[in-house]
C-alpha atoms as a PDB file:
ATOM      1  CA  MET A   1      43.371 186.629  26.712  1.00  0.00           C
ATOM      2  CA  GLY A   2      45.230 183.362  26.241  1.00  0.00           C
ATOM      3  CA  SER A   3      48.474 184.811  27.247  1.00  0.00           C
ATOM      4  CA  LEU A   4      46.833 186.383  30.230  1.00  0.00           C
ATOM      5  CA  THR A   5      45.641 182.878  31.273  1.00  0.00           C
ATOM      6  CA  LEU A   6      48.993 181.316  30.843  1.00  0.00           C
ATOM      7  CA  SER A   7      50.713 184.008  33.063  1.00  0.00           C
ATOM      8  CA  VAL A   8      48.387 183.469  36.096  1.00  0.00           C
ATOM      9  CA  GLN A   9      50.268 181.528  38.761  1.00  0.00           C
ATOM     10  CA  LYS A  10      48.636 178.212  39.306  1.00  0.00           C
ATOM     11  CA  LYS A  11      48.691 176.049  42.439  1.00  0.00           C
ATOM     12  CA  GLN A  12      51.815 173.896  42.976  1.00  0.00           C
ATOM     13  CA  HIS A  13      51.143 170.178  43.521  1.00  0.00           C
ATOM     14  CA  ARG A  14      53.892 168.928  45.687  1.00  0.00           C
ATOM     15  CA  GLU A  15      54.449 165.326  46.753  1.00  0.00           C
ATOM     16  CA  ARG A  16      53.945 164.528  50.353  1.00  0.00           C
ATOM     17  CA  SER A  17      56.887 164.252  52.634  1.00  0.00           C
ATOM     18  CA  GLN A  18      57.819 161.274  54.892  1.00  0.00           C
ATOM     19  CA  PRO A  19      55.519 161.159  57.959  1.00  0.00           C
ATOM     20  CA  LEU A  20      57.519 161.457  61.112  1.00  0.00           C
ATOM     21  CA  GLU A  21      56.116 158.178  62.527  1.00  0.00           C
ATOM     22  CA  ARG A  22      57.286 156.272  59.394  1.00  0.00           C
ATOM     23  CA  ARG A  23      60.892 157.705  59.139  1.00  0.00           C
ATOM     24  CA  LYS A  24      62.187 154.684  60.976  1.00  0.00           C
ATOM     25  CA  LEU A  25      61.182 152.521  57.959  1.00  0.00           C
ATOM     26  CA  GLY A  26      63.499 154.372  55.583  1.00  0.00           C
ATOM     27  CA  MET A  27      63.260 156.910  52.811  1.00  0.00           C
ATOM     28  CA  LEU A  28      59.924 157.371  51.043  1.00  0.00           C
ATOM     29  CA  GLU A  29      60.667 156.789  47.400  1.00  0.00           C
ATOM     30  CA  LYS A  30      59.266 159.586  45.111  1.00  0.00           C
ATOM     31  CA  LYS A  31      58.504 159.068  41.388  1.00  0.00           C
ATOM     32  CA  LYS A  32      61.718 160.678  40.390  1.00  0.00           C
ATOM     33  CA  ASP A  33      63.590 158.389  42.520  1.00  0.00           C
ATOM     34  CA  TYR A  34      61.881 155.339  41.034  1.00  0.00           C
ATOM     35  CA  LYS A  35      62.494 156.700  37.484  1.00  0.00           C
ATOM     36  CA  LEU A  36      66.245 156.902  38.183  1.00  0.00           C
ATOM     37  CA  ARG A  37      66.390 153.398  39.681  1.00  0.00           C
ATOM     38  CA  SER A  38      64.351 152.023  36.884  1.00  0.00           C
ATOM     39  CA  GLN A  39      66.566 153.511  34.207  1.00  0.00           C
ATOM     40  CA  ASP A  40      69.716 152.303  35.872  1.00  0.00           C
ATOM     41  CA  TYR A  41      68.226 148.872  36.128  1.00  0.00           C
ATOM     42  CA  HIS A  42      67.160 148.615  32.571  1.00  0.00           C
ATOM     43  CA  ALA A  43      70.507 150.142  31.320  1.00  0.00           C
ATOM     44  CA  LYS A  44      72.466 147.353  33.231  1.00  0.00           C
ATOM     45  CA  GLN A  45      69.974 144.677  31.860  1.00  0.00           C
ATOM     46  CA  ALA A  46      70.480 145.814  28.302  1.00  0.00           C
ATOM     47  CA  GLN A  47      74.276 145.600  28.812  1.00  0.00           C
ATOM     48  CA  LEU A  48      73.975 142.173  30.192  1.00  0.00           C
ATOM     49  CA  GLN A  49      71.826 141.068  27.361  1.00  0.00           C
ATOM     50  CA  LEU A  50      74.408 142.489  24.850  1.00  0.00           C
ATOM     51  CA  LEU A  51      77.215 140.561  26.514  1.00  0.00           C
ATOM     52  CA  ARG A  52      75.220 137.369  26.446  1.00  0.00           C
ATOM     53  CA  LYS A  53      74.535 137.825  22.781  1.00  0.00           C
ATOM     54  CA  LYS A  54      78.181 138.384  22.047  1.00  0.00           C
ATOM     55  CA  ALA A  55      79.175 135.242  24.019  1.00  0.00           C
ATOM     56  CA  GLU A  56      76.577 133.177  22.126  1.00  0.00           C
ATOM     57  CA  GLU A  57      77.782 134.466  18.787  1.00  0.00           C
ATOM     58  CA  ARG A  58      81.440 134.151  19.415  1.00  0.00           C
ATOM     59  CA  ASN A  59      83.485 131.998  17.009  1.00  0.00           C
ATOM     60  CA  PRO A  60      85.060 128.987  18.916  1.00  0.00           C
ATOM     61  CA  ASP A  61      87.769 128.936  16.336  1.00  0.00           C
ATOM     62  CA  GLU A  62      88.749 132.511  16.919  1.00  0.00           C
ATOM     63  CA  TYR A  63      92.329 133.088  18.156  1.00  0.00           C
ATOM     64  CA  TYR A  64      92.893 133.438  21.826  1.00  0.00           C
ATOM     65  CA  HIS A  65      96.195 133.216  23.937  1.00  0.00           C
ATOM     66  CA  GLU A  66      95.419 129.749  25.280  1.00  0.00           C
ATOM     67  CA  MET A  67      95.928 128.336  21.759  1.00  0.00           C
ATOM     68  CA  SER A  68      99.687 128.763  21.921  1.00  0.00           C
ATOM     69  CA  HIS A  69      99.847 126.117  24.731  1.00  0.00           C
ATOM     70  CA  ALA A  70      97.468 123.663  23.127  1.00  0.00           C
ATOM     71  CA  ARG A  71      98.162 120.500  21.134  1.00  0.00           C
ATOM     72  CA  ARG A  72      96.100 117.738  19.576  1.00  0.00           C
ATOM     73  CA  GLU A  73      96.073 114.159  20.478  1.00  0.00           C
ATOM     74  CA  GLU A  74      98.131 111.840  18.198  1.00  0.00           C
ATOM     75  CA  ASP A  75      95.426 109.224  18.074  1.00  0.00           C
ATOM     76  CA  GLY A  76      93.528 111.081  15.448  1.00  0.00           C
ATOM     77  CA  SER A  77      90.548 111.844  17.767  1.00  0.00           C
ATOM     78  CA  GLY A  78      90.920 115.577  17.345  1.00  0.00           C
ATOM     79  CA  VAL A  79      90.876 116.265  21.009  1.00  0.00           C
ATOM     80  CA  VAL A  80      92.709 119.399  22.096  1.00  0.00           C
ATOM     81  CA  VAL A  81      94.717 119.151  25.231  1.00  0.00           C
ATOM     82  CA  TYR A  82      96.161 122.209  27.035  1.00  0.00           C
ATOM     83  CA  ASP A  83      99.672 121.936  28.413  1.00  0.00           C
ATOM     84  CA  SER A  84      99.300 124.914  30.734  1.00  0.00           C
ATOM     85  CA  LYS A  85      98.678 124.424  34.442  1.00  0.00           C
ATOM     86  CA  LYS A  86      95.439 126.188  34.385  1.00  0.00           C
ATOM     87  CA  GLY A  87      93.262 123.123  34.316  1.00  0.00           C
ATOM     88  CA  PRO A  88      92.678 119.667  32.920  1.00  0.00           C
ATOM     89  CA  ALA A  89      92.408 118.638  29.314  1.00  0.00           C
ATOM     90  CA  VAL A  90      89.540 120.401  27.442  1.00  0.00           C
ATOM     91  CA  SER A  91      87.981 119.390  24.280  1.00  0.00           C
ATOM     92  CA  THR A  92      86.932 122.054  21.727  1.00  0.00           C
ATOM     93  CA  ASP A  93      83.873 120.014  20.932  1.00  0.00           C
ATOM     94  CA  ALA A  94      81.151 121.627  22.918  1.00  0.00           C
ATOM     95  CA  LEU A  95      77.952 119.904  23.888  1.00  0.00           C
ATOM     96  CA  THR A  96      74.529 121.124  22.975  1.00  0.00           C
ATOM     97  CA  ALA A  97      72.241 122.710  25.423  1.00  0.00           C
ATOM     98  CA  ASP A  98      69.978 119.786  25.518  1.00  0.00           C
ATOM     99  CA  ALA A  99      72.872 117.310  26.202  1.00  0.00           C
ATOM    100  CA  VAL A 100      74.200 119.523  29.006  1.00  0.00           C
ATOM    101  CA  LYS A 101      70.818 119.689  30.576  1.00  0.00           C
ATOM    102  CA  LEU A 102      70.403 115.822  30.203  1.00  0.00           C
ATOM    103  CA  LEU A 103      73.850 115.396  31.984  1.00  0.00           C
ATOM    104  CA  LYS A 104      72.939 117.733  34.783  1.00  0.00           C
ATOM    105  CA  THR A 105      69.492 115.928  35.165  1.00  0.00           C
ATOM    106  CA  GLN A 106      71.231 112.575  35.498  1.00  0.00           C
ATOM    107  CA  ASP A 107      73.897 113.999  38.048  1.00  0.00           C
ATOM    108  CA  SER A 108      71.027 115.447  40.034  1.00  0.00           C
ATOM    109  CA  SER A 109      69.104 112.137  40.086  1.00  0.00           C
ATOM    110  CA  TYR A 110      72.254 110.348  41.298  1.00  0.00           C
ATOM    111  CA  VAL A 111      72.697 112.914  44.168  1.00  0.00           C
ATOM    112  CA  GLN A 112      68.995 112.510  44.934  1.00  0.00           C
ATOM    113  CA  THR A 113      69.279 108.811  45.300  1.00  0.00           C
ATOM    114  CA  TYR A 114      72.017 109.046  47.841  1.00  0.00           C
ATOM    115  CA  LEU A 115      70.270 111.974  49.660  1.00  0.00           C
ATOM    116  CA  SER A 116      67.112 109.710  50.061  1.00  0.00           C
ATOM    117  CA  LYS A 117      69.243 106.943  51.559  1.00  0.00           C
ATOM    118  CA  GLU A 118      70.752 109.211  53.915  1.00  0.00           C
ATOM    119  CA  LYS A 119      67.369 110.611  55.098  1.00  0.00           C
ATOM    120  CA  LYS A 120      66.039 106.918  55.614  1.00  0.00           C
ATOM    121  CA  ASN A 121      69.191 106.171  57.743  1.00  0.00           C
ATOM    122  CA  ILE A 122      68.734 109.394  59.673  1.00  0.00           C
ATOM    123  CA  GLU A 123      64.981 108.569  60.401  1.00  0.00           C
ATOM    124  CA  ARG A 124      65.906 105.048  61.441  1.00  0.00           C
ATOM    125  CA  LEU A 125      68.643 106.301  63.861  1.00  0.00           C
ATOM    126  CA  GLU A 126      66.272 109.009  65.297  1.00  0.00           C
ATOM    127  CA  LYS A 127      63.745 106.291  65.991  1.00  0.00           C
ATOM    128  CA  GLU A 128      66.313 104.071  67.745  1.00  0.00           C
ATOM    129  CA  LEU A 129      67.816 106.857  69.843  1.00  0.00           C
ATOM    130  CA  THR A 130      65.541 108.127  72.491  1.00  0.00           C
ATOM    131  CA  PHE A 131      66.656 111.386  74.101  1.00  0.00           C
ATOM    132  CA  ARG A 132      66.680 111.634  77.890  1.00  0.00           C
ATOM    133  CA  SER A 133      63.649 113.405  79.283  1.00  0.00           C
ATOM    134  CA  SER A 134      64.272 116.904  80.575  1.00  0.00           C
ATOM    135  CA  GLY A 135      60.816 117.679  81.728  1.00  0.00           C
ATOM    136  CA  LYS A 136      59.260 117.651  85.249  1.00  0.00           C
ATOM    137  CA  HIS A 137      56.263 115.631  86.371  1.00  0.00           C
ATOM    138  CA  THR A 138      54.069 118.075  88.331  1.00  0.00           C
ATOM    139  CA  VAL A 139      51.317 116.624  90.525  1.00  0.00           C
ATOM    140  CA  PHE A 140      48.467 118.836  91.603  1.00  0.00           C
ATOM    141  CA  VAL A 141      46.683 118.401  94.937  1.00  0.00           C
ATOM    142  CA  ASP A 142      43.556 120.045  96.286  1.00  0.00           C
ATOM    143  CA  SER A 143      44.723 121.478  99.585  1.00  0.00           C
ATOM    144  CA  VAL A 144      47.994 122.231 101.686  1.00  0.00           C
ATOM    145  CA  GLU A 145      47.241 119.170 103.967  1.00  0.00           C
ATOM    146  CA  GLU A 146      47.390 116.811 101.040  1.00  0.00           C
ATOM    147  CA  ALA A 147      50.614 118.445  99.833  1.00  0.00           C
ATOM    148  CA  ASP A 148      52.184 117.843 103.200  1.00  0.00           C
ATOM    149  CA  LYS A 149      51.028 114.223 103.286  1.00  0.00           C
ATOM    150  CA  PHE A 150      51.988 113.583  99.690  1.00  0.00           C
ATOM    151  CA  SER A 151      54.213 110.572  99.098  1.00  0.00           C
ATOM    152  CA  ALA A 152      55.831 110.237  95.723  1.00  0.00           C
ATOM    153  CA  ALA A 153      56.711 106.674  96.176  1.00  0.00           C
ATOM    154  CA  LYS A 154      53.168 105.791  96.936  1.00  0.00           C
ATOM    155  CA  TYR A 155      51.777 108.063  94.145  1.00  0.00           C
ATOM    156  CA  PHE A 156      54.068 106.484  91.428  1.00  0.00           C
ATOM    157  CA  ASP A 157      53.876 103.038  93.008  1.00  0.00           C
ATOM    158  CA  THR A 158      57.533 102.466  93.098  1.00  0.00           C
ATOM    159  CA  ASP A 159      60.464 102.371  95.530  1.00  0.00           C
ATOM    160  CA  LYS A 160      62.089 105.446  96.865  1.00  0.00           C
ATOM    161  CA  ALA A 161      65.537 104.499  95.250  1.00  0.00           C
ATOM    162  CA  LEU A 162      63.938 104.874  91.744  1.00  0.00           C
ATOM    163  CA  LEU A 163      62.306 108.141  92.219  1.00  0.00           C
ATOM    164  CA  ASN A 164      65.061 110.045  90.460  1.00  0.00           C
ATOM    165  CA  ARG A 165      64.626 108.309  87.211  1.00  0.00           C
ATOM    166  CA  ARG A 166      62.689 110.111  84.559  1.00  0.00           C
ATOM    167  CA  GLU A 167      61.985 107.107  82.429  1.00  0.00           C
ATOM    168  CA  ASN A 168      61.983 103.401  82.863  1.00  0.00           C
ATOM    169  CA  ARG A 169      60.746 103.693  86.380  1.00  0.00           C
ATOM    170  CA  LEU A 170      59.648 100.173  87.577  1.00  0.00           C
ATOM    171  CA  ARG A 171      56.543  99.772  89.507  1.00  0.00           C
ATOM    172  CA  ARG A 172      56.319  97.653  92.799  1.00  0.00           C
ATOM    173  CA  ARG A 173      54.626  94.748  91.046  1.00  0.00           C
ATOM    174  CA  GLN A 174      57.494  94.549  88.537  1.00  0.00           C
ATOM    175  CA  LEU A 175      59.996  94.695  91.292  1.00  0.00           C
ATOM    176  CA  GLU A 176      58.140  91.911  93.113  1.00  0.00           C
ATOM    177  CA  ARG A 177      58.169  89.831  89.946  1.00  0.00           C
ATOM    178  CA  GLU A 178      61.922  90.286  89.394  1.00  0.00           C
ATOM    179  CA  GLY A 179      62.672  89.442  92.983  1.00  0.00           C
ATOM    180  CA  GLY A 180      60.368  86.338  92.878  1.00  0.00           C
ATOM    181  CA  ILE A 181      58.339  87.378  95.879  1.00  0.00           C
ATOM    182  CA  VAL A 182      54.739  86.833  96.503  1.00  0.00           C
ATOM    183  CA  VAL A 183      52.801  89.875  97.894  1.00  0.00           C
ATOM    184  CA  GLY A 184      52.015  89.554 101.629  1.00  0.00           C
ATOM    185  CA  THR A 185      55.006  87.165 102.391  1.00  0.00           C
ATOM    186  CA  ASN A 186      57.998  89.375 103.465  1.00  0.00           C
ATOM    187  CA  SER A 187      57.290  91.705 100.620  1.00  0.00           C
ATOM    188  CA  GLU A 188      59.290  94.664 102.056  1.00  0.00           C
ATOM    189  CA  ALA A 189      62.606  92.627 102.247  1.00  0.00           C
ATOM    190  CA  GLY A 190      61.999  91.134  98.954  1.00  0.00           C
ATOM    191  CA  LEU A 191      61.367  94.692  97.408  1.00  0.00           C
ATOM    192  CA  ALA A 192      64.710  95.984  98.986  1.00  0.00           C
ATOM    193  CA  VAL A 193      66.601  92.890  97.329  1.00  0.00           C
ATOM    194  CA  ALA A 194      64.821  93.487  94.151  1.00  0.00           C
ATOM    195  CA  THR A 195      65.464  97.188  94.151  1.00  0.00           C
ATOM    196  CA  ALA A 196      69.279  96.613  94.830  1.00  0.00           C
ATOM    197  CA  GLU A 197      69.507  94.010  92.130  1.00  0.00           C
ATOM    198  CA  ALA A 198      67.669  96.197  89.587  1.00  0.00           C
ATOM    199  CA  THR A 199      69.945  99.183  90.516  1.00  0.00           C
ATOM    200  CA  THR A 200      73.140  97.034  89.974  1.00  0.00           C
ATOM    201  CA  LEU A 201      71.933  95.608  86.705  1.00  0.00           C
ATOM    202  CA  ASP A 202      70.904  98.899  85.698  1.00  0.00           C
ATOM    203  CA  LYS A 203      74.220 100.646  86.124  1.00  0.00           C
ATOM    204  CA  LYS A 204      75.924  97.863  83.925  1.00  0.00           C
ATOM    205  CA  ARG A 205      73.201  98.020  81.304  1.00  0.00           C
ATOM    206  CA  GLN A 206      73.346 101.782  81.418  1.00  0.00           C
ATOM    207  CA  LYS A 207      77.152 101.774  80.793  1.00  0.00           C
ATOM    208  CA  GLU A 208      76.772  99.529  77.836  1.00  0.00           C
ATOM    209  CA  LEU A 209      73.771 101.460  76.538  1.00  0.00           C
ATOM    210  CA  ASN A 210      75.688 104.687  76.942  1.00  0.00           C
ATOM    211  CA  LYS A 211      78.621 103.310  74.771  1.00  0.00           C
ATOM    212  CA  GLN A 212      76.271 102.096  72.175  1.00  0.00           C
ATOM    213  CA  ARG A 213      74.146 105.266  72.213  1.00  0.00           C
ATOM    214  CA  LEU A 214      77.246 107.432  71.935  1.00  0.00           C
ATOM    215  CA  ALA A 215      78.373 105.561  68.749  1.00  0.00           C
ATOM    216  CA  LYS A 216      74.987 105.951  67.202  1.00  0.00           C
ATOM    217  CA  TYR A 217      75.019 109.622  68.046  1.00  0.00           C
ATOM    218  CA  LYS A 218      78.201 110.010  66.265  1.00  0.00           C
ATOM    219  CA  GLU A 219      76.922 108.138  63.270  1.00  0.00           C
ATOM    220  CA  LEU A 220      73.741 110.246  63.306  1.00  0.00           C
ATOM    221  CA  GLU A 221      75.788 113.554  63.391  1.00  0.00           C
ATOM    222  CA  GLN A 222      77.979 112.395  60.460  1.00  0.00           C
ATOM    223  CA  ARG A 223      75.033 111.370  58.380  1.00  0.00           C
ATOM    224  CA  MET A 224      73.293 114.669  59.127  1.00  0.00           C
ATOM    225  CA  GLU A 225      76.373 116.562  57.876  1.00  0.00           C
ATOM    226  CA  ARG A 226      76.440 114.513  54.823  1.00  0.00           C
ATOM    227  CA  GLU A 227      72.714 115.081  54.196  1.00  0.00           C
ATOM    228  CA  SER A 228      73.410 118.818  54.532  1.00  0.00           C
ATOM    229  CA  ASP A 229      76.151 118.638  51.996  1.00  0.00           C
ATOM    230  CA  LEU A 230      74.195 116.652  49.578  1.00  0.00           C
ATOM    231  CA  THR A 231      71.205 118.937  49.790  1.00  0.00           C
ATOM    232  CA  LYS A 232      73.428 121.850  49.077  1.00  0.00           C
ATOM    233  CA  VAL A 233      74.930 120.014  45.972  1.00  0.00           C
ATOM    234  CA  LYS A 234      71.452 119.119  44.887  1.00  0.00           C
ATOM    235  CA  GLN A 235      70.239 122.784  45.040  1.00  0.00           C
ATOM    236  CA  THR A 236      73.315 123.966  43.210  1.00  0.00           C
ATOM    237  CA  MET A 237      72.756 121.349  40.469  1.00  0.00           C
ATOM    238  CA  ASP A 238      69.081 122.364  40.246  1.00  0.00           C
ATOM    239  CA  LEU A 239      69.989 126.020  39.983  1.00  0.00           C
ATOM    240  CA  GLN A 240      72.536 125.271  37.195  1.00  0.00           C
ATOM    241  CA  ARG A 241      69.842 123.271  35.149  1.00  0.00           C
ATOM    242  CA  GLU A 242      67.311 126.103  35.654  1.00  0.00           C
ATOM    243  CA  LEU A 243      69.835 128.641  34.374  1.00  0.00           C
ATOM    244  CA  LEU A 244      69.926 126.739  31.119  1.00  0.00           C
ATOM    245  CA  LYS A 245      66.325 127.807  30.369  1.00  0.00           C
ATOM    246  CA  LYS A 246      65.768 130.624  28.069  1.00  0.00           C
ATOM    247  CA  GLY A 247      64.130 134.011  28.991  1.00  0.00           C
ATOM    248  CA  ALA A 248      64.999 137.092  30.905  1.00  0.00           C
ATOM    249  CA  ARG A 249      65.773 136.541  34.413  1.00  0.00           C
ATOM    250  CA  ARG A 250      67.107 138.613  37.405  1.00  0.00           C
ATOM    251  CA  LYS A 251      68.910 137.571  40.593  1.00  0.00           C
ATOM    252  CA  VAL A 252      67.130 138.189  43.999  1.00  0.00           C
ATOM    253  CA  THR A 253      68.867 137.886  47.355  1.00  0.00           C
ATOM    254  CA  ASP A 254      66.682 137.513  50.425  1.00  0.00           C
ATOM    255  CA  ARG A 255      67.444 138.688  53.908  1.00  0.00           C
ATOM    256  CA  ASP A 256      69.287 135.515  54.950  1.00  0.00           C
ATOM    257  CA  GLY A 257      71.772 136.045  52.018  1.00  0.00           C
ATOM    258  CA  TYR A 258      70.358 133.080  49.828  1.00  0.00           C
ATOM    259  CA  SER A 259      70.264 133.945  46.074  1.00  0.00           C
ATOM    260  CA  ARG A 260      67.649 132.823  43.577  1.00  0.00           C
ATOM    261  CA  TYR A 261      66.676 133.711  40.146  1.00  0.00           C
ATOM    262  CA  VAL A 262      63.218 135.025  38.999  1.00  0.00           C
ATOM    263  CA  TRP A 263      62.139 134.697  35.392  1.00  0.00           C
ATOM    264  CA  ALA A 264      60.067 137.344  33.727  1.00  0.00           C
ATOM    265  CA  ASN A 265      56.531 136.393  32.826  1.00  0.00           C
ATOM    266  CA  GLU A 266      56.030 135.914  29.119  1.00  0.00           C
ATOM    267  CA  ARG A 267      52.648 136.089  27.639  1.00  0.00           C
ATOM    268  CA  LYS A 268      51.508 132.856  26.094  1.00  0.00           C
ATOM    269  CA  ARG A 269      50.262 132.733  22.576  1.00  0.00           C
END
C-alpha cells in the first residue's frame, strides 16, 4: 500500500512567472537564482577573507625582490631606503593600527579647519554679491479700461527713464531730494535734471561696481572649487579611517557611481 501511495502522481507546484505588466522592471528572481547568487557572493567573501588573513600574517622580513635594491642609512637609525625609481624612501618600521588611525584623524581635522574657513569666506562673498533680478513685476488691474489707462511711472512713483531698472529704482521724492528741488516750484524741470544726473552717476558707479563685482565673482568661483576639492579629500580621509575598523564589510555602489562600505551587524554581548 505504501508503494502504491508513492507511485501516485502528485500536483506539481510551480513558481509563478513574471507578469506581463512587470517585465519592464527586469527579471523576476526565483529561489534557485538567489541561491546561485548567494553562493557566489559568499565564496568570493571567503576568498577575500583568506587573502586578508594571509596579508596580516605575512612576515615583513620575508624575502622579496625589492630587497635587492635596498640599503640602510649609515647614521645607525636602521631606516631602509630603496634606490629604485618606484617611490620615495620607505621604512620597514610599520606603525600600529592605532597610530595610523590617530594620524589620519589629525590630517582630517587639519583639512576640516581649512574647509570651515573656505565655507565662511563663501558665505561672506555670497552675502556681499547680489545677483541681478531676472523676474518680472506683474501688476493686476480690475478691468480693461484700467489696463489702458495704466501708467507704470505713476504706479511706481518714479521717472520714465528709470522704469527699465529691476532694482535700485529711485522714487520721485528721492530724485527731488538729490536735485535740491522743493515740490511745487518748477518740480518737473528739477526732476528732469535730477534724473539726468542720477543716470550719469549711475553709469560711472555701475562701471566701477561691475569691475569689483567681477573680481569678487572670480574669487567666489575659486573658493567654491577649493571647497569642493577639500570636501573630496575629507571624504576620502574619513573613508580610509573607517576602513581601519574591524569587522566584515562590503562595498556598495549607488546609481550615481559613488561607492561606500556597509559593515555587517554584529550581535552585542
